[in-house]
């Protein structure tokens, strides 16, 4: 079998990421944003978890006076 010399111009560096990998990365970002944005809106609408107690319950500060 004979050897074949490959000139240096014939070799090339691979791309940083193949096009298919960028496609999956983009799809992942869109799906993640599709989950995060509604969750963020729900939490903001809820008042970031801070709500006054229901009217049928006394405030915590009023109950703490009974403990002392």
PDB file of N, CA and C in Angstrom:
ATOM      1  N   UNK A   1       0.847  -1.163   0.000  1.00  0.00           N
ATOM      2  CA  UNK A   1       0.000   0.000   0.000  1.00  0.00           C
ATOM      3  C   UNK A   1       0.900   1.236   0.000  1.00  0.00           C
ATOM      4  N   UNK A   2       0.559   2.172  -0.821  1.00  0.00           N
ATOM      5  CA  UNK A   2       1.367   3.376  -0.928  1.00  0.00           C
ATOM      6  C   UNK A   2       0.846   4.447   0.026  1.00  0.00           C
ATOM      7  N   UNK A   3       1.750   5.269   0.464  1.00  0.00           N
ATOM      8  CA  UNK A   3       1.371   6.366   1.356  1.00  0.00           C
ATOM      9  C   UNK A   3       1.007   7.590   0.536  1.00  0.00           C
ATOM     10  N   UNK A   4       0.062   8.343   1.022  1.00  0.00           N
ATOM     11  CA  UNK A   4      -0.373   9.554   0.332  1.00  0.00           C
ATOM     12  C   UNK A   4      -0.102  10.728   1.257  1.00  0.00           C
ATOM     13  N   UNK A   5       0.568  11.710   0.750  1.00  0.00           N
ATOM     14  CA  UNK A   5       0.847  12.912   1.533  1.00  0.00           C
ATOM     15  C   UNK A   5      -0.354  13.850   1.447  1.00  0.00           C
ATOM     16  N   UNK A   6      -0.809  14.300   2.602  1.00  0.00           N
ATOM     17  CA  UNK A   6      -1.927  15.239   2.649  1.00  0.00           C
ATOM     18  C   UNK A   6      -1.348  16.621   2.931  1.00  0.00           C
ATOM     19  N   UNK A   7      -1.562  17.552   2.022  1.00  0.00           N
ATOM     20  CA  UNK A   7      -1.028  18.899   2.254  1.00  0.00           C
ATOM     21  C   UNK A   7      -1.732  19.579   3.429  1.00  0.00           C
ATOM     22  N   UNK A   8      -1.078  20.520   4.062  1.00  0.00           N
ATOM     23  CA  UNK A   8      -1.634  21.197   5.239  1.00  0.00           C
ATOM     24  C   UNK A   8      -2.892  21.995   4.902  1.00  0.00           C
ATOM     25  N   UNK A   9      -3.056  22.401   3.635  1.00  0.00           N
ATOM     26  CA  UNK A   9      -4.248  23.159   3.244  1.00  0.00           C
ATOM     27  C   UNK A   9      -5.489  22.263   3.265  1.00  0.00           C
ATOM     28  N   UNK A  10      -5.323  20.956   3.200  1.00  0.00           N
ATOM     29  CA  UNK A  10      -6.455  20.045   3.148  1.00  0.00           C
ATOM     30  C   UNK A  10      -7.048  19.803   4.541  1.00  0.00           C
ATOM     31  N   UNK A  11      -6.307  20.084   5.583  1.00  0.00           N
ATOM     32  CA  UNK A  11      -6.839  19.900   6.927  1.00  0.00           C
ATOM     33  C   UNK A  11      -7.525  21.175   7.385  1.00  0.00           C
ATOM     34  N   UNK A  12      -8.485  21.050   8.244  1.00  0.00           N
ATOM     35  CA  UNK A  12      -9.201  22.220   8.747  1.00  0.00           C
ATOM     36  C   UNK A  12      -9.594  21.982  10.192  1.00  0.00           C
ATOM     37  N   UNK A  13      -9.774  23.052  10.895  1.00  0.00           N
ATOM     38  CA  UNK A  13     -10.209  22.998  12.282  1.00  0.00           C
ATOM     39  C   UNK A  13     -11.729  22.818  12.297  1.00  0.00           C
ATOM     40  N   UNK A  14     -12.259  21.997  13.189  1.00  0.00           N
ATOM     41  CA  UNK A  14     -13.720  21.869  13.270  1.00  0.00           C
ATOM     42  C   UNK A  14     -14.333  23.152  13.817  1.00  0.00           C
ATOM     43  N   UNK A  15     -15.602  23.370  13.485  1.00  0.00           N
ATOM     44  CA  UNK A  15     -16.303  24.559  13.986  1.00  0.00           C
ATOM     45  C   UNK A  15     -16.404  24.492  15.504  1.00  0.00           C
ATOM     46  N   UNK A  16     -16.676  25.629  16.105  1.00  0.00           N
ATOM     47  CA  UNK A  16     -16.818  25.676  17.559  1.00  0.00           C
ATOM     48  C   UNK A  16     -17.910  24.711  18.014  1.00  0.00           C
ATOM     49  N   UNK A  17     -19.081  24.829  17.457  1.00  0.00           N
ATOM     50  CA  UNK A  17     -20.171  23.890  17.691  1.00  0.00           C
ATOM     51  C   UNK A  17     -20.850  23.632  16.347  1.00  0.00           C
ATOM     52  N   UNK A  18     -21.205  22.404  16.069  1.00  0.00           N
ATOM     53  CA  UNK A  18     -21.896  22.133  14.814  1.00  0.00           C
ATOM     54  C   UNK A  18     -23.263  22.826  14.776  1.00  0.00           C
ATOM     55  N   UNK A  19     -23.778  23.008  13.581  1.00  0.00           N
ATOM     56  CA  UNK A  19     -25.047  23.716  13.410  1.00  0.00           C
ATOM     57  C   UNK A  19     -26.182  23.017  14.153  1.00  0.00           C
ATOM     58  N   UNK A  20     -26.175  21.702  14.182  1.00  0.00           N
ATOM     59  CA  UNK A  20     -27.229  20.979  14.888  1.00  0.00           C
ATOM     60  C   UNK A  20     -27.203  21.294  16.381  1.00  0.00           C
ATOM     61  N   UNK A  21     -26.012  21.458  16.936  1.00  0.00           N
ATOM     62  CA  UNK A  21     -25.902  21.774  18.362  1.00  0.00           C
ATOM     63  C   UNK A  21     -26.472  23.165  18.632  1.00  0.00           C
ATOM     64  N   UNK A  22     -26.236  24.129  17.755  1.00  0.00           N
ATOM     65  CA  UNK A  22     -26.805  25.470  17.928  1.00  0.00           C
ATOM     66  C   UNK A  22     -28.326  25.417  17.845  1.00  0.00           C
ATOM     67  N   UNK A  23     -28.849  24.551  16.963  1.00  0.00           N
ATOM     68  CA  UNK A  23     -30.290  24.416  16.836  1.00  0.00           C
ATOM     69  C   UNK A  23     -30.900  23.898  18.137  1.00  0.00           C
ATOM     70  N   UNK A  24     -30.311  22.861  18.710  1.00  0.00           N
ATOM     71  CA  UNK A  24     -30.819  22.321  19.974  1.00  0.00           C
ATOM     72  C   UNK A  24     -30.652  23.317  21.117  1.00  0.00           C
ATOM     73  N   UNK A  25     -29.575  24.075  21.086  1.00  0.00           N
ATOM     74  CA  UNK A  25     -29.364  25.111  22.105  1.00  0.00           C
ATOM     75  C   UNK A  25     -30.464  26.169  22.011  1.00  0.00           C
ATOM     76  N   UNK A  26     -30.779  26.588  20.798  1.00  0.00           N
ATOM     77  CA  UNK A  26     -31.834  27.588  20.600  1.00  0.00           C
ATOM     78  C   UNK A  26     -33.190  27.081  21.039  1.00  0.00           C
ATOM     79  N   UNK A  27     -33.503  25.827  20.702  1.00  0.00           N
ATOM     80  CA  UNK A  27     -34.771  25.236  21.122  1.00  0.00           C
ATOM     81  C   UNK A  27     -34.840  25.160  22.642  1.00  0.00           C
ATOM     82  N   UNK A  28     -33.737  24.796  23.279  1.00  0.00           N
ATOM     83  CA  UNK A  28     -33.699  24.712  24.744  1.00  0.00           C
ATOM     84  C   UNK A  28     -33.927  26.071  25.386  1.00  0.00           C
ATOM     85  N   UNK A  29     -33.325  27.103  24.832  1.00  0.00           N
ATOM     86  CA  UNK A  29     -33.496  28.455  25.387  1.00  0.00           C
ATOM     87  C   UNK A  29     -34.946  28.902  25.258  1.00  0.00           C
ATOM     88  N   UNK A  30     -35.560  28.626  24.110  1.00  0.00           N
ATOM     89  CA  UNK A  30     -36.959  29.016  23.907  1.00  0.00           C
ATOM     90  C   UNK A  30     -37.870  28.265  24.879  1.00  0.00           C
ATOM     91  N   UNK A  31     -37.646  26.967  25.054  1.00  0.00           N
ATOM     92  CA  UNK A  31     -38.467  26.193  25.988  1.00  0.00           C
ATOM     93  C   UNK A  31     -38.280  26.667  27.427  1.00  0.00           C
ATOM     94  N   UNK A  32     -37.049  26.950  27.809  1.00  0.00           N
ATOM     95  CA  UNK A  32     -36.781  27.432  29.158  1.00  0.00           C
ATOM     96  C   UNK A  32     -37.453  28.786  29.387  1.00  0.00           C
ATOM     97  N   UNK A  33     -37.366  29.673  28.412  1.00  0.00           N
ATOM     98  CA  UNK A  33     -38.023  30.976  28.537  1.00  0.00           C
ATOM     99  C   UNK A  33     -39.536  30.804  28.600  1.00  0.00           C
ATOM    100  N   UNK A  34     -40.067  29.818  27.868  1.00  0.00           N
ATOM    101  CA  UNK A  34     -41.501  29.553  27.898  1.00  0.00           C
ATOM    102  C   UNK A  34     -41.979  29.063  29.252  1.00  0.00           C
ATOM    103  N   UNK A  35     -41.102  28.479  30.036  1.00  0.00           N
ATOM    104  CA  UNK A  35     -41.460  28.051  31.384  1.00  0.00           C
ATOM    105  C   UNK A  35     -41.199  29.139  32.424  1.00  0.00           C
ATOM    106  N   UNK A  36     -40.117  29.865  32.269  1.00  0.00           N
ATOM    107  CA  UNK A  36     -39.713  30.861  33.269  1.00  0.00           C
ATOM    108  C   UNK A  36     -40.623  32.086  33.236  1.00  0.00           C
ATOM    109  N   UNK A  37     -40.994  32.551  32.057  1.00  0.00           N
ATOM    110  CA  UNK A  37     -41.794  33.778  31.958  1.00  0.00           C
ATOM    111  C   UNK A  37     -43.170  33.618  32.613  1.00  0.00           C
ATOM    112  N   UNK A  38     -43.928  32.563  32.334  1.00  0.00           N
ATOM    113  CA  UNK A  38     -45.212  32.431  33.049  1.00  0.00           C
ATOM    114  C   UNK A  38     -45.048  32.264  34.562  1.00  0.00           C
ATOM    115  N   UNK A  39     -44.029  31.549  34.972  1.00  0.00           N
ATOM    116  CA  UNK A  39     -43.779  31.402  36.409  1.00  0.00           C
ATOM    117  C   UNK A  39     -43.460  32.746  37.039  1.00  0.00           C
ATOM    118  N   UNK A  40     -42.641  33.534  36.377  1.00  0.00           N
ATOM    119  CA  UNK A  40     -42.279  34.862  36.881  1.00  0.00           C
ATOM    120  C   UNK A  40     -43.513  35.748  36.970  1.00  0.00           C
ATOM    121  N   UNK A  41     -44.370  35.712  35.945  1.00  0.00           N
ATOM    122  CA  UNK A  41     -45.588  36.530  35.966  1.00  0.00           C
ATOM    123  C   UNK A  41     -46.513  36.105  37.101  1.00  0.00           C
ATOM    124  N   UNK A  42     -46.628  34.811  37.331  1.00  0.00           N
ATOM    125  CA  UNK A  42     -47.484  34.310  38.401  1.00  0.00           C
ATOM    126  C   UNK A  42     -46.975  34.759  39.766  1.00  0.00           C
ATOM    127  N   UNK A  43     -45.676  34.674  39.967  1.00  0.00           N
ATOM    128  CA  UNK A  43     -45.092  35.088  41.246  1.00  0.00           C
ATOM    129  C   UNK A  43     -45.251  36.586  41.436  1.00  0.00           C
ATOM    130  N   UNK A  44     -45.064  37.365  40.388  1.00  0.00           N
ATOM    131  CA  UNK A  44     -45.239  38.817  40.503  1.00  0.00           C
ATOM    132  C   UNK A  44     -46.692  39.167  40.812  1.00  0.00           C
ATOM    133  N   UNK A  45     -47.643  38.486  40.185  1.00  0.00           N
ATOM    134  CA  UNK A  45     -49.065  38.743  40.406  1.00  0.00           C
ATOM    135  C   UNK A  45     -49.452  38.380  41.839  1.00  0.00           C
ATOM    136  N   UNK A  46     -48.777  37.395  42.385  1.00  0.00           N
ATOM    137  CA  UNK A  46     -49.056  36.941  43.747  1.00  0.00           C
ATOM    138  C   UNK A  46     -48.488  37.905  44.787  1.00  0.00           C
ATOM    139  N   UNK A  47     -47.719  38.867  44.375  1.00  0.00           N
ATOM    140  CA  UNK A  47     -47.122  39.815  45.312  1.00  0.00           C
ATOM    141  C   UNK A  47     -45.817  39.299  45.870  1.00  0.00           C
ATOM    142  N   UNK A  48     -45.128  38.464  45.111  1.00  0.00           N
ATOM    143  CA  UNK A  48     -43.843  37.890  45.503  1.00  0.00           C
ATOM    144  C   UNK A  48     -43.964  37.097  46.798  1.00  0.00           C
ATOM    145  N   UNK A  49     -45.147  36.496  47.011  1.00  0.00           N
ATOM    146  CA  UNK A  49     -45.330  35.648  48.175  1.00  0.00           C
ATOM    147  C   UNK A  49     -45.767  36.389  49.422  1.00  0.00           C
ATOM    148  N   UNK A  50     -46.003  37.685  49.349  1.00  0.00           N
ATOM    149  CA  UNK A  50     -46.405  38.465  50.522  1.00  0.00           C
ATOM    150  C   UNK A  50     -47.863  38.875  50.371  1.00  0.00           C
ATOM    151  N   UNK A  51     -48.678  38.279  51.170  1.00  0.00           N
ATOM    152  CA  UNK A  51     -50.100  38.630  51.168  1.00  0.00           C
ATOM    153  C   UNK A  51     -50.538  38.874  52.602  1.00  0.00           C
ATOM    154  N   UNK A  52     -51.524  39.730  52.797  1.00  0.00           N
ATOM    155  CA  UNK A  52     -52.066  39.900  54.145  1.00  0.00           C
ATOM    156  C   UNK A  52     -52.834  38.639  54.541  1.00  0.00           C
ATOM    157  N   UNK A  53     -52.969  38.381  55.827  1.00  0.00           N
ATOM    158  CA  UNK A  53     -53.709  37.191  56.256  1.00  0.00           C
ATOM    159  C   UNK A  53     -55.185  37.328  55.886  1.00  0.00           C
ATOM    160  N   UNK A  54     -55.874  36.214  55.771  1.00  0.00           N
ATOM    161  CA  UNK A  54     -57.316  36.292  55.488  1.00  0.00           C
ATOM    162  C   UNK A  54     -58.044  37.055  56.589  1.00  0.00           C
ATOM    163  N   UNK A  55     -59.194  37.595  56.263  1.00  0.00           N
ATOM    164  CA  UNK A  55     -59.945  38.415  57.224  1.00  0.00           C
ATOM    165  C   UNK A  55     -60.404  37.600  58.434  1.00  0.00           C
ATOM    166  N   UNK A  56     -60.549  36.306  58.292  1.00  0.00           N
ATOM    167  CA  UNK A  56     -61.019  35.482  59.393  1.00  0.00           C
ATOM    168  C   UNK A  56     -59.917  35.169  60.411  1.00  0.00           C
ATOM    169  N   UNK A  57     -58.697  35.549  60.128  1.00  0.00           N
ATOM    170  CA  UNK A  57     -57.577  35.274  61.044  1.00  0.00           C
ATOM    171  C   UNK A  57     -57.003  36.581  61.575  1.00  0.00           C
ATOM    172  N   UNK A  58     -56.545  36.531  62.812  1.00  0.00           N
ATOM    173  CA  UNK A  58     -55.877  37.714  63.361  1.00  0.00           C
ATOM    174  C   UNK A  58     -54.453  37.781  62.836  1.00  0.00           C
ATOM    175  N   UNK A  59     -53.898  38.964  62.872  1.00  0.00           N
ATOM    176  CA  UNK A  59     -52.521  39.141  62.439  1.00  0.00           C
ATOM    177  C   UNK A  59     -51.575  38.426  63.393  1.00  0.00           C
ATOM    178  N   UNK A  60     -50.435  38.013  62.919  1.00  0.00           N
ATOM    179  CA  UNK A  60     -49.465  37.288  63.729  1.00  0.00           C
ATOM    180  C   UNK A  60     -49.003  38.139  64.906  1.00  0.00           C
ATOM    181  N   UNK A  61     -48.849  39.450  64.676  1.00  0.00           N
ATOM    182  CA  UNK A  61     -48.366  40.315  65.750  1.00  0.00           C
ATOM    183  C   UNK A  61     -49.373  40.378  66.905  1.00  0.00           C
ATOM    184  N   UNK A  62     -50.665  40.282  66.612  1.00  0.00           N
ATOM    185  CA  UNK A  62     -51.675  40.294  67.667  1.00  0.00           C
ATOM    186  C   UNK A  62     -51.616  39.003  68.485  1.00  0.00           C
ATOM    187  N   UNK A  63     -51.357  37.903  67.840  1.00  0.00           N
ATOM    188  CA  UNK A  63     -51.276  36.626  68.528  1.00  0.00           C
ATOM    189  C   UNK A  63     -50.017  36.522  69.373  1.00  0.00           C
ATOM    190  N   UNK A  64     -48.954  37.170  68.967  1.00  0.00           N
ATOM    191  CA  UNK A  64     -47.701  37.067  69.712  1.00  0.00           C
ATOM    192  C   UNK A  64     -47.806  37.721  71.090  1.00  0.00           C
ATOM    193  N   UNK A  65     -48.691  38.689  71.253  1.00  0.00           N
ATOM    194  CA  UNK A  65     -48.867  39.320  72.559  1.00  0.00           C
ATOM    195  C   UNK A  65     -49.444  38.335  73.572  1.00  0.00           C
ATOM    196  N   UNK A  66     -50.194  37.367  73.099  1.00  0.00           N
ATOM    197  CA  UNK A  66     -50.775  36.376  73.988  1.00  0.00           C
ATOM    198  C   UNK A  66     -49.732  35.401  74.512  1.00  0.00           C
ATOM    199  N   UNK A  67     -48.633  35.273  73.776  1.00  0.00           N
ATOM    200  CA  UNK A  67     -47.595  34.323  74.161  1.00  0.00           C
ATOM    201  C   UNK A  67     -46.702  34.853  75.267  1.00  0.00           C
ATOM    202  N   UNK A  68     -46.676  36.144  75.492  1.00  0.00           N
ATOM    203  CA  UNK A  68     -45.785  36.719  76.506  1.00  0.00           C
ATOM    204  C   UNK A  68     -46.424  36.786  77.858  1.00  0.00           C
TER     205      UNK A  68
END
